[in-house]
């Protein structure tokens, strides 16, 4: 599984020799091994790095287990650098050559599919899952005291609830709340250990509401979706629902993000839009969140000494006086620089407002 630490390592790596980055879709629903190998060979025809091409092909032909829906490989053989990651989510085919790994696609995947905690909860316990880059891994769950229903007696209710529930005694309510509190404590520890950034909760409406109310507020703020699901649901059912609810949330969040970005930029209030304005903010290390339309890339100019970026044709760097060189894609450099500086990268999918506004923008630190 690709981790944040892996991405940080990739971001830090630069080389005086070319670095080959290859993203290859291996979705079994869209083809077979032979068709993917043929596509890889065709992709590598655009490259003139024999050692790296051989290393990538050798990995795909001999070592890749074809268990994922995508694979990404980075190679710089003169530096002894080679990294390969199988992904449980599909990727678009891409070949990139530069002085560092191209991590823009990984930034998109981490943003869309990274760091989810999924909880299935009932009155007795909880099942916990870590959903990361399309992979769903289940943690050992927690089971509390059995909840026994009575056939006689009046209704009871949990603290703060309206009315009562037929067939439930005060003791039963106490058992349910105690089980829920234990499940919440267990879940919080799980969230912390897995550095969860977003939370999904499944169960009946009542159970989800009670579990949510008992979570500390800091964790409540990370809940992005809830859904009905039985505690005995299969792994495949949980994965499908997590993907669906997560993607629905991501679409809504992206749309709101773009509205906020365009509004803030129009007011000159902590945001910029357009390539040149964004590159200047990157040069000044002012970017807190870089926002890019998926697939956007544009040639520009970069200083060989200090890394200054501009979309305007220049031969001499205005920052240090170094020589400027044309580069094929300024966005990849911007992504790497922002992530190295601790900023975030948001890759937005199919948004007409961002497309009209210039394809790229940024929220600023100051």
Protein backbone atom coordinates (compact mmCIF):
# COMPACT_ATOMS: atom_id res chain seq x y z
CA UNK A 1 0.00 0.00 0.00
CA UNK A 2 1.33 3.43 -0.96
CA UNK A 3 1.81 5.54 2.17
CA UNK A 4 2.25 9.25 2.86
CA UNK A 5 5.87 8.46 3.75
CA UNK A 6 6.41 6.95 0.28
CA UNK A 7 5.05 10.11 -1.33
CA UNK A 8 7.26 12.33 0.85
CA UNK A 9 10.29 10.31 -0.28
CA UNK A 10 9.31 10.77 -3.92
CA UNK A 11 8.80 14.51 -3.45
CA UNK A 12 12.28 14.95 -1.96
CA UNK A 13 14.08 13.05 -4.72
CA UNK A 14 15.71 15.12 -7.45
CA UNK A 15 18.42 14.09 -9.87
CA UNK A 16 20.87 15.58 -12.37
CA UNK A 17 19.81 12.65 -14.56
CA UNK A 18 16.34 12.23 -16.09
CA UNK A 19 13.71 10.50 -13.95
CA UNK A 20 11.15 8.33 -15.74
CA UNK A 21 7.63 8.24 -14.28
CA UNK A 22 5.13 5.71 -15.68
CA UNK A 23 1.46 5.39 -14.73
CA UNK A 24 -0.31 2.39 -16.28
CA UNK A 25 -3.94 1.33 -15.94
CA UNK A 26 -4.26 -2.42 -15.33
CA UNK A 27 -8.00 -2.51 -14.67
CA UNK A 28 -8.98 -6.14 -15.45
CA UNK A 29 -12.41 -5.01 -16.70
CA UNK A 30 -10.79 -3.04 -19.54
CA UNK A 31 -8.24 -5.48 -20.92
CA UNK A 32 -5.77 -8.28 -20.25
CA UNK A 33 -2.05 -8.59 -19.50
CA UNK A 34 -1.05 -8.70 -23.15
CA UNK A 35 -2.97 -5.53 -24.03
CA UNK A 36 -1.46 -3.67 -21.08
CA UNK A 37 2.06 -4.78 -21.97
CA UNK A 38 1.51 -3.58 -25.55
CA UNK A 39 0.27 -0.21 -24.29
CA UNK A 40 3.33 0.09 -22.07
CA UNK A 41 5.69 -0.57 -24.98
CA UNK A 42 3.88 2.04 -27.09
CA UNK A 43 4.09 4.56 -24.25
CA UNK A 44 7.82 3.98 -23.83
CA UNK A 45 8.47 4.62 -27.54
CA UNK A 46 8.26 8.33 -26.69
CA UNK A 47 11.16 7.94 -24.24
CA UNK A 48 14.89 7.69 -24.96
CA UNK A 49 16.15 6.29 -21.66
CA UNK A 50 17.17 2.68 -22.45
CA UNK A 51 18.24 1.72 -18.91
CA UNK A 52 15.08 3.05 -17.33
CA UNK A 53 12.83 1.63 -20.04
CA UNK A 54 14.40 -1.80 -19.49
CA UNK A 55 13.96 -1.54 -15.71
CA UNK A 56 10.29 -0.59 -16.03
CA UNK A 57 9.52 -3.32 -18.58
CA UNK A 58 11.35 -5.93 -16.49
CA UNK A 59 9.28 -5.03 -13.45
CA UNK A 60 5.97 -5.18 -15.34
CA UNK A 61 6.84 -8.41 -17.15
CA UNK A 62 8.46 -10.32 -14.28
CA UNK A 63 7.55 -8.84 -10.90
CA UNK A 64 4.19 -7.10 -11.05
CA UNK A 65 1.50 -9.46 -9.71
CA UNK A 66 -1.46 -7.89 -11.60
CA UNK A 67 -3.55 -7.79 -8.44
CA UNK A 68 -4.25 -4.06 -8.68
CA UNK A 69 -6.15 -1.82 -11.06
CA UNK A 70 -3.17 0.45 -11.69
CA UNK A 71 0.59 0.55 -11.28
CA UNK A 72 3.06 3.42 -11.01
CA UNK A 73 6.81 3.09 -11.54
CA UNK A 74 9.61 5.62 -11.07
CA UNK A 75 13.11 4.95 -12.38
CA UNK A 76 16.44 6.77 -12.49
CA UNK A 77 19.00 4.03 -13.06
CA UNK A 78 22.13 6.27 -13.04
CA UNK A 79 21.17 7.20 -9.46
CA UNK A 80 20.18 3.65 -8.52
CA UNK A 81 16.61 4.85 -7.91
CA UNK A 82 13.64 2.59 -8.62
CA UNK A 83 10.23 2.57 -6.96
CA UNK A 84 7.05 0.71 -7.97
CA UNK A 85 3.59 0.71 -6.40
CA UNK A 86 0.51 -1.36 -7.17
CA UNK A 87 -2.73 0.59 -6.78
CA UNK A 88 -6.25 -0.65 -6.06
CA UNK A 89 -7.71 2.25 -8.07
CA UNK A 90 -7.31 2.77 -11.83
CA UNK A 91 -5.05 5.51 -13.20
CA UNK A 92 -4.75 7.20 -16.55
CA UNK A 93 -1.83 6.07 -18.69
CA UNK A 94 0.98 8.59 -18.42
CA UNK A 95 4.70 8.84 -19.16
CA UNK A 96 6.73 11.74 -17.80
CA UNK A 97 10.43 12.56 -17.91
CA UNK A 98 11.91 15.22 -15.65
CA UNK A 99 14.47 15.86 -12.94
CA UNK A 100 12.14 14.40 -10.29
CA UNK A 101 9.27 11.90 -10.03
CA UNK A 102 5.93 13.19 -11.31
CA UNK A 103 3.65 12.94 -8.26
CA UNK A 104 0.63 14.92 -9.46
CA UNK A 105 -1.46 11.79 -10.07
CA UNK A 106 -0.52 10.43 -6.64
CA UNK A 107 -1.56 13.73 -5.07
CA UNK A 108 -4.94 13.36 -6.77
CA UNK A 109 -5.36 9.78 -5.54
CA UNK A 110 -4.39 10.65 -1.97
CA UNK A 111 -6.82 13.56 -2.04
CA UNK A 112 -9.72 11.49 -3.40
CA UNK A 113 -9.13 8.09 -1.81
CA UNK A 114 -6.71 8.62 1.06
CA UNK A 115 -7.12 8.40 4.80
CA UNK A 116 -10.71 7.26 5.34
CA UNK A 117 -11.85 5.58 8.54
CA UNK A 118 -15.00 3.47 8.11
CA UNK A 119 -17.07 2.38 11.12
CA UNK A 120 -19.93 -0.12 11.17
CA UNK A 121 -21.74 0.17 14.47
CA UNK A 122 -24.61 -1.51 16.31
CA UNK A 123 -25.76 -1.57 19.94
CA UNK A 124 -23.16 -4.12 20.95
CA UNK A 125 -19.98 -3.14 19.15
CA UNK A 126 -18.24 -1.87 16.05
CA UNK A 127 -16.24 -2.99 13.04
CA UNK A 128 -13.47 -0.66 11.89
CA UNK A 129 -11.88 -0.33 8.47
CA UNK A 130 -9.08 1.77 6.99
CA UNK A 131 -9.99 2.81 3.44
CA UNK A 132 -6.91 4.08 1.60
CA UNK A 133 -6.34 4.38 -2.16
CA UNK A 134 -9.11 1.93 -2.95
CA UNK A 135 -7.97 -0.70 -0.44
CA UNK A 136 -10.18 -1.58 2.51
CA UNK A 137 -8.42 -3.19 5.46
CA UNK A 138 -10.39 -4.36 8.46
CA UNK A 139 -9.16 -3.91 12.00
CA UNK A 140 -10.20 -6.40 14.66
CA UNK A 141 -13.54 -5.13 15.94
CA UNK A 142 -14.86 -4.62 19.44
CA UNK A 143 -17.82 -6.44 21.00
CA UNK A 144 -19.39 -5.25 24.23
CA UNK A 145 -22.00 -6.69 26.55
CA UNK A 146 -24.93 -8.45 24.89
CA UNK A 147 -28.08 -6.35 24.75
CA UNK A 148 -31.05 -8.35 26.03
CA UNK A 149 -34.57 -7.21 25.25
CA UNK A 150 -37.43 -7.66 27.71
CA UNK A 151 -40.90 -8.77 26.73
CA UNK A 152 -42.63 -6.77 29.46
CA UNK A 153 -42.19 -3.42 31.10
CA UNK A 154 -42.41 0.19 30.12
CA UNK A 155 -40.47 2.14 27.58
CA UNK A 156 -37.13 3.70 28.29
CA UNK A 157 -34.93 6.17 26.51
CA UNK A 158 -31.30 7.14 26.34
CA UNK A 159 -30.28 10.48 27.83
CA UNK A 160 -31.39 13.31 25.59
CA UNK A 161 -33.72 11.14 23.50
CA UNK A 162 -37.38 12.00 22.96
CA UNK A 163 -39.84 9.49 24.33
CA UNK A 164 -38.93 5.87 24.92
CA UNK A 165 -38.37 2.62 23.13
CA UNK A 166 -40.86 -0.15 23.78
CA UNK A 167 -39.37 -3.21 25.43
CA UNK A 168 -36.24 -1.45 26.68
CA UNK A 169 -35.42 -1.03 30.34
CA UNK A 170 -33.11 1.47 31.95
CA UNK A 171 -30.56 -1.31 32.35
CA UNK A 172 -30.69 -2.08 28.63
CA UNK A 173 -30.14 1.60 27.80
CA UNK A 174 -27.17 1.69 30.16
CA UNK A 175 -25.67 -1.37 28.47
CA UNK A 176 -26.15 0.19 25.01
CA UNK A 177 -24.55 3.48 26.02
CA UNK A 178 -21.66 1.71 27.74
CA UNK A 179 -21.05 -0.41 24.64
CA UNK A 180 -21.18 2.69 22.44
CA UNK A 181 -18.70 4.57 24.61
CA UNK A 182 -16.30 1.63 24.46
CA UNK A 183 -16.74 1.49 20.68
CA UNK A 184 -16.05 5.22 20.40
CA UNK A 185 -12.88 4.97 22.51
CA UNK A 186 -11.72 2.05 20.37
CA UNK A 187 -12.52 3.96 17.17
CA UNK A 188 -10.69 7.13 18.26
CA UNK A 189 -7.56 5.09 18.97
CA UNK A 190 -7.92 3.48 15.54
CA UNK A 191 -8.36 6.87 13.83
CA UNK A 192 -5.24 8.23 15.53
CA UNK A 193 -3.10 5.22 14.67
CA UNK A 194 -4.11 5.34 11.00
CA UNK A 195 -4.00 9.15 10.66
CA UNK A 196 -7.59 9.20 9.46
CA UNK A 197 -8.66 12.44 7.74
CA UNK A 198 -12.27 11.54 6.91
CA UNK A 199 -14.81 9.33 8.64
CA UNK A 200 -17.72 7.28 7.27
CA UNK A 201 -20.23 5.65 9.64
CA UNK A 202 -22.59 2.80 8.75
CA UNK A 203 -25.47 1.36 10.75
CA UNK A 204 -29.08 2.09 11.65
CA UNK A 205 -30.08 5.73 11.98
CA UNK A 206 -30.34 5.50 15.79
CA UNK A 207 -27.02 3.73 16.23
CA UNK A 208 -25.19 6.12 13.91
CA UNK A 209 -26.67 9.14 15.71
CA UNK A 210 -25.66 7.85 19.15
CA UNK A 211 -22.15 6.90 18.04
CA UNK A 212 -21.72 10.29 16.39
CA UNK A 213 -22.91 12.18 19.48
CA UNK A 214 -20.37 10.39 21.69
CA UNK A 215 -17.40 11.12 19.42
CA UNK A 216 -15.16 14.01 20.52
CA UNK A 217 -15.97 17.16 18.54
CA UNK A 218 -12.60 17.13 16.77
CA UNK A 219 -13.50 13.76 15.25
CA UNK A 220 -17.14 14.70 14.62
CA UNK A 221 -15.88 17.43 12.30
CA UNK A 222 -14.22 14.77 10.10
CA UNK A 223 -17.45 12.83 9.43
CA UNK A 224 -18.20 13.14 5.72
CA UNK A 225 -20.98 10.60 5.30
CA UNK A 226 -23.24 8.02 6.91
CA UNK A 227 -25.11 5.09 5.41
CA UNK A 228 -27.41 2.22 6.45
CA UNK A 229 -25.58 -1.11 6.67
CA UNK A 230 -25.79 -4.30 8.66
CA UNK A 231 -22.92 -5.28 10.94
CA UNK A 232 -22.63 -8.58 9.09
CA UNK A 233 -22.08 -6.90 5.70
CA UNK A 234 -19.40 -8.47 3.54
CA UNK A 235 -16.04 -6.86 2.88
CA UNK A 236 -17.09 -6.22 -0.74
CA UNK A 237 -20.31 -4.50 0.35
CA UNK A 238 -18.44 -2.20 2.73
CA UNK A 239 -15.84 -1.37 0.06
CA UNK A 240 -18.48 -0.54 -2.56
CA UNK A 241 -20.39 1.70 -0.17
CA UNK A 242 -17.24 3.45 1.05
CA UNK A 243 -16.24 4.19 -2.56
CA UNK A 244 -19.72 5.51 -3.40
CA UNK A 245 -20.20 7.72 -0.35
CA UNK A 246 -16.60 8.93 -0.48
CA UNK A 247 -16.88 9.96 -4.13
CA UNK A 248 -20.20 11.73 -3.54
CA UNK A 249 -18.63 13.73 -0.74
CA UNK A 250 -15.55 14.51 -2.82
CA UNK A 251 -17.64 15.90 -5.69
CA UNK A 252 -19.61 18.20 -3.38
CA UNK A 253 -16.46 19.32 -1.60
CA UNK A 254 -14.66 20.11 -4.86
CA UNK A 255 -17.56 22.19 -6.17
CA UNK A 256 -17.64 24.25 -2.98
CA UNK A 257 -13.86 24.58 -2.98
CA UNK A 258 -13.88 26.12 -6.47
CA UNK A 259 -16.64 28.57 -5.54
CA UNK A 260 -14.64 29.65 -2.49
CA UNK A 261 -11.44 29.95 -4.55
CA UNK A 262 -12.96 32.10 -7.29
CA UNK A 263 -14.77 34.32 -4.78
CA UNK A 264 -11.65 34.85 -2.67
CA UNK A 265 -9.50 35.58 -5.73
CA UNK A 266 -12.03 38.10 -7.04
CA UNK A 267 -11.90 39.90 -3.69
CA UNK A 268 -8.09 39.65 -3.60
CA UNK A 269 -8.57 37.92 -0.26
CA UNK A 270 -6.08 35.11 0.22
CA UNK A 271 -6.36 33.40 -3.17
CA UNK A 272 -5.19 33.68 -6.78
CA UNK A 273 -6.32 32.09 -10.05
CA UNK A 274 -4.60 31.64 -13.41
CA UNK A 275 -1.22 30.10 -14.20
CA UNK A 276 1.09 33.11 -13.88
CA UNK A 277 -0.47 34.38 -10.65
CA UNK A 278 -0.28 30.89 -9.19
CA UNK A 279 3.34 30.37 -10.23
CA UNK A 280 4.31 33.65 -8.59
CA UNK A 281 2.67 32.51 -5.36
CA UNK A 282 4.58 29.21 -5.64
CA UNK A 283 7.84 31.13 -6.14
CA UNK A 284 7.17 33.07 -2.95
CA UNK A 285 6.22 29.92 -0.97
CA UNK A 286 2.84 31.46 -0.17
CA UNK A 287 0.66 28.55 -1.31
CA UNK A 288 -1.25 26.67 1.37
CA UNK A 289 -3.43 24.73 -1.11
CA UNK A 290 -2.74 24.38 -4.82
CA UNK A 291 -5.89 23.72 -6.88
CA UNK A 292 -5.58 22.17 -10.35
CA UNK A 293 -8.05 20.93 -12.93
CA UNK A 294 -7.35 17.27 -13.70
CA UNK A 295 -5.15 16.86 -16.76
CA UNK A 296 -4.06 20.50 -16.93
CA UNK A 297 -0.46 21.10 -17.89
CA UNK A 298 1.32 23.91 -19.69
CA UNK A 299 4.84 24.67 -20.80
CA UNK A 300 6.65 27.47 -19.03
CA UNK A 301 10.13 28.64 -18.02
CA UNK A 302 12.23 27.67 -15.02
CA UNK A 303 15.50 28.95 -13.60
CA UNK A 304 18.21 26.30 -13.51
CA UNK A 305 19.70 27.83 -10.35
CA UNK A 306 16.88 28.80 -7.98
CA UNK A 307 13.87 27.05 -9.56
CA UNK A 308 11.93 30.28 -10.28
CA UNK A 309 8.87 29.53 -12.44
CA UNK A 310 7.05 31.76 -14.92
CA UNK A 311 4.76 31.32 -17.89
CA UNK A 312 6.39 34.35 -19.56
CA UNK A 313 9.27 33.80 -21.94
CA UNK A 314 12.46 34.99 -20.28
CA UNK A 315 16.15 34.20 -20.69
CA UNK A 316 17.38 35.57 -17.36
CA UNK A 317 15.87 34.81 -13.96
CA UNK A 318 14.45 37.95 -12.31
CA UNK A 319 15.10 36.45 -8.88
CA UNK A 320 18.76 35.38 -9.06
CA UNK A 321 20.03 36.22 -12.55
CA UNK A 322 20.38 32.57 -13.52
CA UNK A 323 19.60 31.13 -16.92
CA UNK A 324 15.95 30.32 -17.67
CA UNK A 325 15.05 27.09 -19.49
CA UNK A 326 11.80 26.08 -21.15
CA UNK A 327 10.03 23.18 -19.43
CA UNK A 328 7.25 20.99 -20.79
CA UNK A 329 4.95 21.24 -17.78
CA UNK A 330 5.12 23.87 -15.06
CA UNK A 331 2.30 22.26 -13.10
CA UNK A 332 4.38 19.22 -12.13
CA UNK A 333 7.09 21.47 -10.74
CA UNK A 334 4.52 23.53 -8.86
CA UNK A 335 2.96 20.41 -7.32
CA UNK A 336 6.32 19.10 -6.12
CA UNK A 337 7.36 22.43 -4.67
CA UNK A 338 4.08 23.00 -2.82
CA UNK A 339 4.10 19.48 -1.35
CA UNK A 340 7.76 19.77 -0.32
CA UNK A 341 6.86 22.95 1.52
CA UNK A 342 4.08 21.24 3.45
CA UNK A 343 1.21 22.58 1.35
CA UNK A 344 -1.77 20.63 0.05
CA UNK A 345 -2.69 19.82 -3.54
CA UNK A 346 -6.29 19.50 -4.72
CA UNK A 347 -6.87 17.96 -8.15
CA UNK A 348 -10.41 18.81 -9.28
CA UNK A 349 -12.37 16.68 -11.73
CA UNK A 350 -14.64 18.11 -14.44
CA UNK A 351 -15.40 21.58 -13.13
CA UNK A 352 -16.48 24.16 -15.70
CA UNK A 353 -16.02 27.10 -13.32
CA UNK A 354 -12.34 26.33 -12.73
CA UNK A 355 -11.88 25.70 -16.45
CA UNK A 356 -13.20 29.19 -17.24
CA UNK A 357 -11.11 30.72 -14.45
CA UNK A 358 -7.82 29.46 -15.84
CA UNK A 359 -7.51 25.79 -14.86
CA UNK A 360 -5.36 26.48 -11.80
CA UNK A 361 -5.35 28.57 -8.64
CA UNK A 362 -4.24 28.61 -5.03
CA UNK A 363 -5.27 29.52 -1.53
CA UNK A 364 -2.50 31.52 0.12
CA UNK A 365 -0.85 31.41 3.52
CA UNK A 366 -0.62 35.19 3.65
